Amino acid sequence: MGKKLTEDQISSFHRDGFLSPIDIFSEEKALFYRQELEKAEKKWPEAFEGASRQNAHLCFTCLDEIVHNQDLLDAAEDIVGPNILNYGTVLFIKEANDPGFVSWHQDAKYMGLEPHVGITAWLALSKSDDESGCMQMIPGSHGSMRDHNDTFGEKNILTRGQEVEGVDETKAISTPLRPGQASFHSASILHSSQPNRSDDRRIGFVIQPLMPPFVTQTKSRVGAQLVRGEDKFGHFDTLQRPSKDMDPADVATRDKINKIWKEHLYEGAEKTRDL
């Protein structure tokens, strides 16, 4: 028995490459975070446009609080160990009746992180189901990296519109979540999501990845947050927690990190875009 997960859950994650659902906090708490996020969107709309949806936890205390949630980190520790870095976050928000989708891909493909031992925590701040476009996984597909094609598809919300061809979608498993639940998936599992056909926003806050400090960034140095334990390796610059929303120094740090991320994620691409 782990701190949060059972032995069966831990074994399931390693076998299948994902685990869902995991209870992190109540629906009432999820609603509170959603309301805080949506108030921030109204006050600072520019902070949630395009690439600024990356690493918003460096600028907003409500998102930072989620990153440091003890139940979340207890579950992560059961898989990655007692010393944990948070590499970054992404807000994946599909508006009501939004045609945006995520093609079949593997998170680790363009990130430059080695080895691929981190986990992505996908936390629902609104209901995520088949109607609203929840994530789908191909169980057991995390054994090796696949070739990806850049599509830059208009409705594809991935950075490069990257996709893996020839995926047997009959094996796909949906991972519906209530607000306050999370799914964990391996950095190398094949996953995707469909458009939001519901009348509500589908708000996913993605912590990507939670990883042990021995992981290295093979492209160029960047920052990460130590969220539990200790870092004896020093492969990443230490990022601090925000003390208030949209502090200019924190915004500058976010922009610096996002610039490096863009260089990493678009390495070798024929073009770039700001989604």
C-alpha atoms as a PDB file:
ATOM      1  CA  MET A   1       0.000   0.000   0.000  1.00  0.00           C
ATOM      2  CA  GLY A   2       1.359   3.377  -0.990  1.00  0.00           C
ATOM      3  CA  LYS A   3       0.686   6.762   0.570  1.00  0.00           C
ATOM      4  CA  LYS A   4      -2.370   7.308  -1.636  1.00  0.00           C
ATOM      5  CA  LEU A   5      -2.592   4.472  -4.151  1.00  0.00           C
ATOM      6  CA  THR A   6      -3.175   0.771  -3.577  1.00  0.00           C
ATOM      7  CA  GLU A   7      -0.719  -1.833  -4.815  1.00  0.00           C
ATOM      8  CA  ASP A   8      -3.249  -2.815  -7.482  1.00  0.00           C
ATOM      9  CA  GLN A   9      -3.442   0.799  -8.706  1.00  0.00           C
ATOM     10  CA  ILE A  10       0.343   1.109  -8.827  1.00  0.00           C
ATOM     11  CA  SER A  11       0.638  -2.165 -10.738  1.00  0.00           C
ATOM     12  CA  SER A  12      -2.132  -1.062 -13.100  1.00  0.00           C
ATOM     13  CA  PHE A  13      -0.281   2.158 -13.896  1.00  0.00           C
ATOM     14  CA  HIS A  14       2.946   0.369 -14.732  1.00  0.00           C
ATOM     15  CA  ARG A  15       1.135  -2.293 -16.782  1.00  0.00           C
ATOM     16  CA  ASP A  16      -1.238  -0.045 -18.724  1.00  0.00           C
ATOM     17  CA  GLY A  17       0.701   3.235 -18.739  1.00  0.00           C
ATOM     18  CA  PHE A  18      -2.132   5.166 -17.097  1.00  0.00           C
ATOM     19  CA  LEU A  19      -4.402   5.212 -14.066  1.00  0.00           C
ATOM     20  CA  SER A  20      -7.847   6.794 -13.805  1.00  0.00           C
ATOM     21  CA  PRO A  21      -9.698   8.075 -11.879  1.00  0.00           C
ATOM     22  CA  ILE A  22      -7.817   9.267  -8.792  1.00  0.00           C
ATOM     23  CA  ASP A  23      -9.689  11.314  -6.188  1.00  0.00           C
ATOM     24  CA  ILE A  24      -7.696  14.463  -5.389  1.00  0.00           C
ATOM     25  CA  PHE A  25     -10.219  16.914  -3.955  1.00  0.00           C
ATOM     26  CA  SER A  26     -13.981  17.401  -3.708  1.00  0.00           C
ATOM     27  CA  GLU A  27     -16.276  18.747  -6.407  1.00  0.00           C
ATOM     28  CA  GLU A  28     -16.858  21.773  -4.173  1.00  0.00           C
ATOM     29  CA  LYS A  29     -13.123  22.484  -4.067  1.00  0.00           C
ATOM     30  CA  ALA A  30     -12.887  21.987  -7.820  1.00  0.00           C
ATOM     31  CA  LEU A  31     -15.678  24.535  -8.278  1.00  0.00           C
ATOM     32  CA  PHE A  32     -13.762  26.989  -6.082  1.00  0.00           C
ATOM     33  CA  TYR A  33     -10.645  26.592  -8.228  1.00  0.00           C
ATOM     34  CA  ARG A  34     -12.697  26.930 -11.400  1.00  0.00           C
ATOM     35  CA  GLN A  35     -14.273  30.137 -10.122  1.00  0.00           C
ATOM     36  CA  GLU A  36     -10.872  31.533  -9.147  1.00  0.00           C
ATOM     37  CA  LEU A  37      -9.509  30.645 -12.581  1.00  0.00           C
ATOM     38  CA  GLU A  38     -12.444  32.206 -14.400  1.00  0.00           C
ATOM     39  CA  LYS A  39     -12.184  35.389 -12.331  1.00  0.00           C
ATOM     40  CA  ALA A  40      -8.524  35.565 -13.312  1.00  0.00           C
ATOM     41  CA  GLU A  41      -9.440  35.047 -16.969  1.00  0.00           C
ATOM     42  CA  LYS A  42     -11.757  38.057 -16.821  1.00  0.00           C
ATOM     43  CA  LYS A  43      -9.222  40.256 -15.027  1.00  0.00           C
ATOM     44  CA  TRP A  44      -6.161  39.237 -17.088  1.00  0.00           C
ATOM     45  CA  PRO A  45      -7.460  37.787 -20.386  1.00  0.00           C
ATOM     46  CA  GLU A  46      -4.051  38.142 -22.005  1.00  0.00           C
ATOM     47  CA  ALA A  47      -2.621  35.707 -19.438  1.00  0.00           C
ATOM     48  CA  PHE A  48      -4.753  32.880 -20.873  1.00  0.00           C
ATOM     49  CA  GLU A  49      -4.235  33.354 -24.587  1.00  0.00           C
ATOM     50  CA  GLY A  50      -2.098  31.114 -26.757  1.00  0.00           C
ATOM     51  CA  ALA A  51       1.168  29.989 -25.204  1.00  0.00           C
ATOM     52  CA  SER A  52       0.375  31.861 -21.966  1.00  0.00           C
ATOM     53  CA  ARG A  53      -1.768  28.873 -20.983  1.00  0.00           C
ATOM     54  CA  GLN A  54       1.549  27.156 -20.399  1.00  0.00           C
ATOM     55  CA  ASN A  55       2.997  27.500 -16.893  1.00  0.00           C
ATOM     56  CA  ALA A  56       0.208  29.710 -15.556  1.00  0.00           C
ATOM     57  CA  HIS A  57       0.928  28.154 -12.146  1.00  0.00           C
ATOM     58  CA  LEU A  58       3.984  30.423 -11.956  1.00  0.00           C
ATOM     59  CA  CYS A  59       1.678  33.467 -11.963  1.00  0.00           C
ATOM     60  CA  PHE A  60      -1.514  32.377 -10.189  1.00  0.00           C
ATOM     61  CA  THR A  61      -1.730  31.198  -6.608  1.00  0.00           C
ATOM     62  CA  CYS A  62      -4.835  29.035  -7.131  1.00  0.00           C
ATOM     63  CA  LEU A  63      -3.045  26.943  -9.761  1.00  0.00           C
ATOM     64  CA  ASP A  64       0.127  26.832  -7.684  1.00  0.00           C
ATOM     65  CA  GLU A  65      -1.965  25.477  -4.797  1.00  0.00           C
ATOM     66  CA  ILE A  66      -3.189  22.619  -6.991  1.00  0.00           C
ATOM     67  CA  VAL A  67       0.368  21.767  -8.038  1.00  0.00           C
ATOM     68  CA  HIS A  68       1.323  21.441  -4.365  1.00  0.00           C
ATOM     69  CA  ASN A  69      -1.807  19.531  -3.273  1.00  0.00           C
ATOM     70  CA  GLN A  70      -0.673  16.861  -0.819  1.00  0.00           C
ATOM     71  CA  ASP A  71      -3.062  14.145  -2.033  1.00  0.00           C
ATOM     72  CA  LEU A  72      -1.844  14.726  -5.576  1.00  0.00           C
ATOM     73  CA  LEU A  73       1.792  14.509  -4.514  1.00  0.00           C
ATOM     74  CA  ASP A  74       1.154  11.461  -2.328  1.00  0.00           C
ATOM     75  CA  ALA A  75      -0.249   9.652  -5.382  1.00  0.00           C
ATOM     76  CA  ALA A  76       2.650  10.841  -7.537  1.00  0.00           C
ATOM     77  CA  GLU A  77       5.162   9.685  -4.918  1.00  0.00           C
ATOM     78  CA  ASP A  78       3.703   6.185  -5.067  1.00  0.00           C
ATOM     79  CA  ILE A  79       4.830   6.026  -8.702  1.00  0.00           C
ATOM     80  CA  VAL A  80       7.900   8.273  -9.126  1.00  0.00           C
ATOM     81  CA  GLY A  81       9.375   8.187  -5.607  1.00  0.00           C
ATOM     82  CA  PRO A  82       9.794  10.641  -2.707  1.00  0.00           C
ATOM     83  CA  ASN A  83      11.716  13.348  -4.596  1.00  0.00           C
ATOM     84  CA  ILE A  84       9.574  15.126  -7.162  1.00  0.00           C
ATOM     85  CA  LEU A  85      10.072  17.991  -9.600  1.00  0.00           C
ATOM     86  CA  ASN A  86       7.204  19.681 -11.413  1.00  0.00           C
ATOM     87  CA  TYR A  87       8.479  20.473 -14.898  1.00  0.00           C
ATOM     88  CA  GLY A  88       5.497  22.651 -15.839  1.00  0.00           C
ATOM     89  CA  THR A  89       1.769  22.972 -16.443  1.00  0.00           C
ATOM     90  CA  VAL A  90      -0.672  23.501 -19.308  1.00  0.00           C
ATOM     91  CA  LEU A  91      -4.311  24.592 -19.233  1.00  0.00           C
ATOM     92  CA  PHE A  92      -6.254  22.546 -21.770  1.00  0.00           C
ATOM     93  CA  ILE A  93      -9.577  24.363 -22.032  1.00  0.00           C
ATOM     94  CA  LYS A  94     -12.163  23.350 -24.602  1.00  0.00           C
ATOM     95  CA  GLU A  95     -15.026  25.797 -24.795  1.00  0.00           C
ATOM     96  CA  ALA A  96     -18.605  24.560 -25.055  1.00  0.00           C
ATOM     97  CA  ASN A  97     -19.254  22.976 -28.463  1.00  0.00           C
ATOM     98  CA  ASP A  98     -15.611  23.534 -29.386  1.00  0.00           C
ATOM     99  CA  PRO A  99     -14.336  21.553 -32.410  1.00  0.00           C
ATOM    100  CA  GLY A 100     -10.784  21.497 -31.024  1.00  0.00           C
ATOM    101  CA  PHE A 101      -9.284  18.046 -30.537  1.00  0.00           C
ATOM    102  CA  VAL A 102      -6.019  16.356 -29.555  1.00  0.00           C
ATOM    103  CA  SER A 103      -4.589  13.789 -31.984  1.00  0.00           C
ATOM    104  CA  TRP A 104      -2.902  10.535 -30.968  1.00  0.00           C
ATOM    105  CA  HIS A 105       0.531  11.400 -29.591  1.00  0.00           C
ATOM    106  CA  GLN A 106       3.091  10.777 -26.847  1.00  0.00           C
ATOM    107  CA  ASP A 107       3.980  13.629 -24.481  1.00  0.00           C
ATOM    108  CA  ALA A 108       7.676  12.776 -24.323  1.00  0.00           C
ATOM    109  CA  LYS A 109       8.296  13.032 -28.075  1.00  0.00           C
ATOM    110  CA  TYR A 110       9.447  16.663 -28.275  1.00  0.00           C
ATOM    111  CA  MET A 111      10.068  17.635 -24.653  1.00  0.00           C
ATOM    112  CA  GLY A 112      13.735  16.659 -24.459  1.00  0.00           C
ATOM    113  CA  LEU A 113      13.396  14.961 -21.057  1.00  0.00           C
ATOM    114  CA  GLU A 114      15.340  11.735 -20.525  1.00  0.00           C
ATOM    115  CA  PRO A 115      14.622   9.098 -19.350  1.00  0.00           C
ATOM    116  CA  HIS A 116      10.846   8.971 -19.911  1.00  0.00           C
ATOM    117  CA  VAL A 117       9.920   8.212 -16.313  1.00  0.00           C
ATOM    118  CA  GLY A 118       7.757  11.225 -15.443  1.00  0.00           C
ATOM    119  CA  ILE A 119       3.984  11.143 -15.148  1.00  0.00           C
ATOM    120  CA  THR A 120       1.428  13.589 -16.473  1.00  0.00           C
ATOM    121  CA  ALA A 121      -1.319  14.466 -13.989  1.00  0.00           C
ATOM    122  CA  TRP A 122      -4.507  15.577 -15.801  1.00  0.00           C
ATOM    123  CA  LEU A 123      -6.801  17.275 -13.271  1.00  0.00           C
ATOM    124  CA  ALA A 124     -10.435  18.060 -14.069  1.00  0.00           C
ATOM    125  CA  LEU A 125     -11.886  21.413 -12.953  1.00  0.00           C
ATOM    126  CA  SER A 126     -15.115  20.676 -14.844  1.00  0.00           C
ATOM    127  CA  LYS A 127     -16.760  17.427 -15.880  1.00  0.00           C
ATOM    128  CA  SER A 128     -14.676  15.521 -18.402  1.00  0.00           C
ATOM    129  CA  ASP A 129     -16.468  12.698 -20.215  1.00  0.00           C
ATOM    130  CA  ASP A 130     -16.974  11.363 -23.721  1.00  0.00           C
ATOM    131  CA  GLU A 131     -19.394  14.169 -24.555  1.00  0.00           C
ATOM    132  CA  SER A 132     -17.032  16.917 -23.417  1.00  0.00           C
ATOM    133  CA  GLY A 133     -13.935  15.311 -24.929  1.00  0.00           C
ATOM    134  CA  CYS A 134     -12.189  13.410 -22.159  1.00  0.00           C
ATOM    135  CA  MET A 135      -8.843  11.775 -22.695  1.00  0.00           C
ATOM    136  CA  GLN A 136      -8.499   8.377 -24.352  1.00  0.00           C
ATOM    137  CA  MET A 137      -5.572   6.012 -23.814  1.00  0.00           C
ATOM    138  CA  ILE A 138      -4.158   3.006 -25.638  1.00  0.00           C
ATOM    139  CA  PRO A 139      -3.283   0.607 -22.787  1.00  0.00           C
ATOM    140  CA  GLY A 140       0.230  -0.774 -22.879  1.00  0.00           C
ATOM    141  CA  SER A 141       1.435   1.578 -25.633  1.00  0.00           C
ATOM    142  CA  HIS A 142       4.110   3.190 -23.459  1.00  0.00           C
ATOM    143  CA  GLY A 143       6.872   0.711 -24.282  1.00  0.00           C
ATOM    144  CA  SER A 144       8.549   2.698 -27.066  1.00  0.00           C
ATOM    145  CA  MET A 145       8.439   6.051 -28.840  1.00  0.00           C
ATOM    146  CA  ARG A 146       6.601   6.219 -32.151  1.00  0.00           C
ATOM    147  CA  ASP A 147       7.136   8.432 -35.185  1.00  0.00           C
ATOM    148  CA  HIS A 148       5.005  11.600 -35.193  1.00  0.00           C
ATOM    149  CA  ASN A 149       3.886  13.676 -38.160  1.00  0.00           C
ATOM    150  CA  ASP A 150       3.444  17.442 -37.875  1.00  0.00           C
ATOM    151  CA  THR A 151       0.040  18.489 -39.246  1.00  0.00           C
ATOM    152  CA  PHE A 152      -0.401  21.985 -37.777  1.00  0.00           C
ATOM    153  CA  GLY A 153      -4.110  21.206 -38.140  1.00  0.00           C
ATOM    154  CA  GLU A 154      -6.307  24.208 -37.470  1.00  0.00           C
ATOM    155  CA  LYS A 155      -8.514  22.389 -34.958  1.00  0.00           C
ATOM    156  CA  ASN A 156      -5.679  20.343 -33.448  1.00  0.00           C
ATOM    157  CA  ILE A 157      -4.747  22.011 -30.151  1.00  0.00           C
ATOM    158  CA  LEU A 158      -1.332  20.358 -29.839  1.00  0.00           C
ATOM    159  CA  THR A 159       1.717  22.557 -30.415  1.00  0.00           C
ATOM    160  CA  ARG A 160       2.651  21.136 -33.814  1.00  0.00           C
ATOM    161  CA  GLY A 161      -0.594  19.290 -34.438  1.00  0.00           C
ATOM    162  CA  GLN A 162       1.597  16.212 -34.093  1.00  0.00           C
ATOM    163  CA  GLU A 163       0.051  12.799 -34.584  1.00  0.00           C
ATOM    164  CA  VAL A 164       0.937   9.135 -34.686  1.00  0.00           C
ATOM    165  CA  GLU A 165      -0.495   7.259 -37.648  1.00  0.00           C
ATOM    166  CA  GLY A 166      -1.873   3.745 -37.641  1.00  0.00           C
ATOM    167  CA  VAL A 167      -3.228   3.729 -34.082  1.00  0.00           C
ATOM    168  CA  ASP A 168      -5.762   0.941 -33.460  1.00  0.00           C
ATOM    169  CA  GLU A 169      -8.541   3.058 -31.980  1.00  0.00           C
ATOM    170  CA  THR A 170     -10.604  -0.024 -31.138  1.00  0.00           C
ATOM    171  CA  LYS A 171      -8.233  -0.476 -28.182  1.00  0.00           C
ATOM    172  CA  ALA A 172      -8.842   3.055 -26.840  1.00  0.00           C
ATOM    173  CA  ILE A 173     -10.053   3.463 -23.252  1.00  0.00           C
ATOM    174  CA  SER A 174     -11.847   6.642 -22.184  1.00  0.00           C
ATOM    175  CA  THR A 175     -10.910   8.261 -18.865  1.00  0.00           C
ATOM    176  CA  PRO A 176     -13.956  10.219 -17.650  1.00  0.00           C
ATOM    177  CA  LEU A 177     -13.385  12.394 -14.586  1.00  0.00           C
ATOM    178  CA  ARG A 178     -15.613  14.309 -12.227  1.00  0.00           C
ATOM    179  CA  PRO A 179     -14.369  17.747 -11.126  1.00  0.00           C
ATOM    180  CA  GLY A 180     -11.611  17.201  -8.568  1.00  0.00           C
ATOM    181  CA  GLN A 181     -10.437  13.891  -9.977  1.00  0.00           C
ATOM    182  CA  ALA A 182      -7.229  13.267 -11.903  1.00  0.00           C
ATOM    183  CA  SER A 183      -5.813  10.737 -14.284  1.00  0.00           C
ATOM    184  CA  PHE A 184      -2.114   9.863 -14.388  1.00  0.00           C
ATOM    185  CA  HIS A 185      -0.416   8.766 -17.566  1.00  0.00           C
ATOM    186  CA  SER A 186       3.071   7.848 -18.656  1.00  0.00           C
ATOM    187  CA  ALA A 187       5.024  10.388 -20.689  1.00  0.00           C
ATOM    188  CA  SER A 188       5.213   7.806 -23.489  1.00  0.00           C
ATOM    189  CA  ILE A 189       1.661   6.431 -23.686  1.00  0.00           C
ATOM    190  CA  LEU A 190      -0.434   7.065 -26.797  1.00  0.00           C
ATOM    191  CA  HIS A 191      -3.417   9.269 -25.948  1.00  0.00           C
ATOM    192  CA  SER A 192      -5.853  11.687 -27.539  1.00  0.00           C
ATOM    193  CA  SER A 193      -9.126  13.519 -26.958  1.00  0.00           C
ATOM    194  CA  GLN A 194     -12.169  14.378 -29.056  1.00  0.00           C
ATOM    195  CA  PRO A 195     -13.987  17.739 -29.453  1.00  0.00           C
ATOM    196  CA  ASN A 196     -16.231  19.112 -26.714  1.00  0.00           C
ATOM    197  CA  ARG A 197     -19.817  18.510 -27.785  1.00  0.00           C
ATOM    198  CA  SER A 198     -21.274  19.583 -24.430  1.00  0.00           C
ATOM    199  CA  ASP A 199     -22.752  22.929 -23.398  1.00  0.00           C
ATOM    200  CA  ASP A 200     -20.121  23.558 -20.722  1.00  0.00           C
ATOM    201  CA  ARG A 201     -16.408  24.257 -20.826  1.00  0.00           C
ATOM    202  CA  ARG A 202     -14.086  21.309 -20.371  1.00  0.00           C
ATOM    203  CA  ILE A 203     -11.281  22.593 -18.161  1.00  0.00           C
ATOM    204  CA  GLY A 204      -8.242  20.404 -17.689  1.00  0.00           C
ATOM    205  CA  PHE A 205      -5.221  21.518 -15.659  1.00  0.00           C
ATOM    206  CA  VAL A 206      -2.254  19.414 -16.672  1.00  0.00           C
ATOM    207  CA  ILE A 207       0.904  19.045 -14.580  1.00  0.00           C
ATOM    208  CA  GLN A 208       3.462  17.740 -17.027  1.00  0.00           C
ATOM    209  CA  PRO A 209       5.457  15.927 -15.919  1.00  0.00           C
ATOM    210  CA  LEU A 210       5.921  15.188 -12.252  1.00  0.00           C
ATOM    211  CA  MET A 211       9.334  13.543 -12.345  1.00  0.00           C
ATOM    212  CA  PRO A 212      12.281  12.420 -10.234  1.00  0.00           C
ATOM    213  CA  PRO A 213      15.195  14.897 -10.126  1.00  0.00           C
ATOM    214  CA  PHE A 214      17.606  12.567 -11.928  1.00  0.00           C
ATOM    215  CA  VAL A 215      15.754  13.295 -15.200  1.00  0.00           C
ATOM    216  CA  THR A 216      17.750  15.568 -17.519  1.00  0.00           C
ATOM    217  CA  GLN A 217      16.780  18.119 -20.166  1.00  0.00           C
ATOM    218  CA  THR A 218      18.766  17.121 -23.248  1.00  0.00           C
ATOM    219  CA  LYS A 219      18.101  20.226 -25.362  1.00  0.00           C
ATOM    220  CA  SER A 220      18.977  23.208 -23.137  1.00  0.00           C
ATOM    221  CA  ARG A 221      18.711  24.140 -19.489  1.00  0.00           C
ATOM    222  CA  VAL A 222      15.360  25.296 -18.147  1.00  0.00           C
ATOM    223  CA  GLY A 223      13.609  25.620 -14.786  1.00  0.00           C
ATOM    224  CA  ALA A 224      11.464  23.325 -12.659  1.00  0.00           C
ATOM    225  CA  GLN A 225       9.842  23.408  -9.220  1.00  0.00           C
ATOM    226  CA  LEU A 226      10.846  21.092  -6.405  1.00  0.00           C
ATOM    227  CA  VAL A 227       7.441  20.097  -5.023  1.00  0.00           C
ATOM    228  CA  ARG A 228       8.487  17.287  -2.665  1.00  0.00           C
ATOM    229  CA  GLY A 229      11.656  15.916  -1.122  1.00  0.00           C
ATOM    230  CA  GLU A 230      15.086  17.046  -2.259  1.00  0.00           C
ATOM    231  CA  ASP A 231      17.029  17.554  -5.453  1.00  0.00           C
ATOM    232  CA  LYS A 232      20.583  16.216  -5.273  1.00  0.00           C
ATOM    233  CA  PHE A 233      21.199  16.573  -9.008  1.00  0.00           C
ATOM    234  CA  GLY A 234      20.611  20.242  -9.908  1.00  0.00           C
ATOM    235  CA  HIS A 235      19.751  19.582 -13.552  1.00  0.00           C
ATOM    236  CA  PHE A 236      17.154  22.377 -13.528  1.00  0.00           C
ATOM    237  CA  ASP A 237      17.034  25.969 -12.321  1.00  0.00           C
ATOM    238  CA  THR A 238      14.839  26.250  -9.226  1.00  0.00           C
ATOM    239  CA  LEU A 239      11.527  28.040  -9.844  1.00  0.00           C
ATOM    240  CA  GLN A 240       9.788  29.751  -6.931  1.00  0.00           C
ATOM    241  CA  ARG A 241       6.119  29.770  -5.968  1.00  0.00           C
ATOM    242  CA  PRO A 242       4.055  32.931  -6.628  1.00  0.00           C
ATOM    243  CA  SER A 243       3.112  34.994  -3.562  1.00  0.00           C
ATOM    244  CA  LYS A 244       0.364  36.869  -5.432  1.00  0.00           C
ATOM    245  CA  ASP A 245      -1.341  36.801  -8.803  1.00  0.00           C
ATOM    246  CA  MET A 246       0.440  38.248 -11.851  1.00  0.00           C
ATOM    247  CA  ASP A 247       3.451  39.682 -10.045  1.00  0.00           C
ATOM    248  CA  PRO A 248       5.615  41.252 -12.807  1.00  0.00           C
ATOM    249  CA  ALA A 249       8.667  39.228 -11.798  1.00  0.00           C
ATOM    250  CA  ASP A 250       6.651  35.993 -11.955  1.00  0.00           C
ATOM    251  CA  VAL A 251       5.214  36.933 -15.356  1.00  0.00           C
ATOM    252  CA  ALA A 252       8.741  37.532 -16.623  1.00  0.00           C
ATOM    253  CA  THR A 253       9.792  34.102 -15.339  1.00  0.00           C
ATOM    254  CA  ARG A 254       6.799  32.453 -17.033  1.00  0.00           C
ATOM    255  CA  ASP A 255       7.610  34.179 -20.323  1.00  0.00           C
ATOM    256  CA  LYS A 256      11.262  33.137 -20.097  1.00  0.00           C
ATOM    257  CA  ILE A 257      10.328  29.514 -19.447  1.00  0.00           C
ATOM    258  CA  ASN A 258       7.728  29.504 -22.226  1.00  0.00           C
ATOM    259  CA  LYS A 259      10.268  30.890 -24.689  1.00  0.00           C
ATOM    260  CA  ILE A 260      12.612  27.996 -23.902  1.00  0.00           C
ATOM    261  CA  TRP A 261       9.715  25.523 -24.122  1.00  0.00           C
ATOM    262  CA  LYS A 262       8.867  26.879 -27.579  1.00  0.00           C
ATOM    263  CA  GLU A 263      12.447  26.317 -28.734  1.00  0.00           C
ATOM    264  CA  HIS A 264      12.343  22.759 -27.400  1.00  0.00           C
ATOM    265  CA  LEU A 265       8.900  21.836 -28.720  1.00  0.00           C
ATOM    266  CA  TYR A 266       9.432  23.281 -32.199  1.00  0.00           C
ATOM    267  CA  GLU A 267      12.954  21.969 -32.690  1.00  0.00           C
ATOM    268  CA  GLY A 268      13.208  20.699 -36.268  1.00  0.00           C
ATOM    269  CA  ALA A 269       9.711  21.940 -37.222  1.00  0.00           C
ATOM    270  CA  GLU A 270       9.128  23.796 -40.502  1.00  0.00           C
ATOM    271  CA  LYS A 271       7.081  26.496 -38.785  1.00  0.00           C
ATOM    272  CA  THR A 272       5.697  27.607 -35.425  1.00  0.00           C
ATOM    273  CA  ARG A 273       2.394  28.961 -34.173  1.00  0.00           C
ATOM    274  CA  ASP A 274       0.904  30.518 -31.042  1.00  0.00           C
ATOM    275  CA  LEU A 275      -2.202  28.510 -30.221  1.00  0.00           C
END
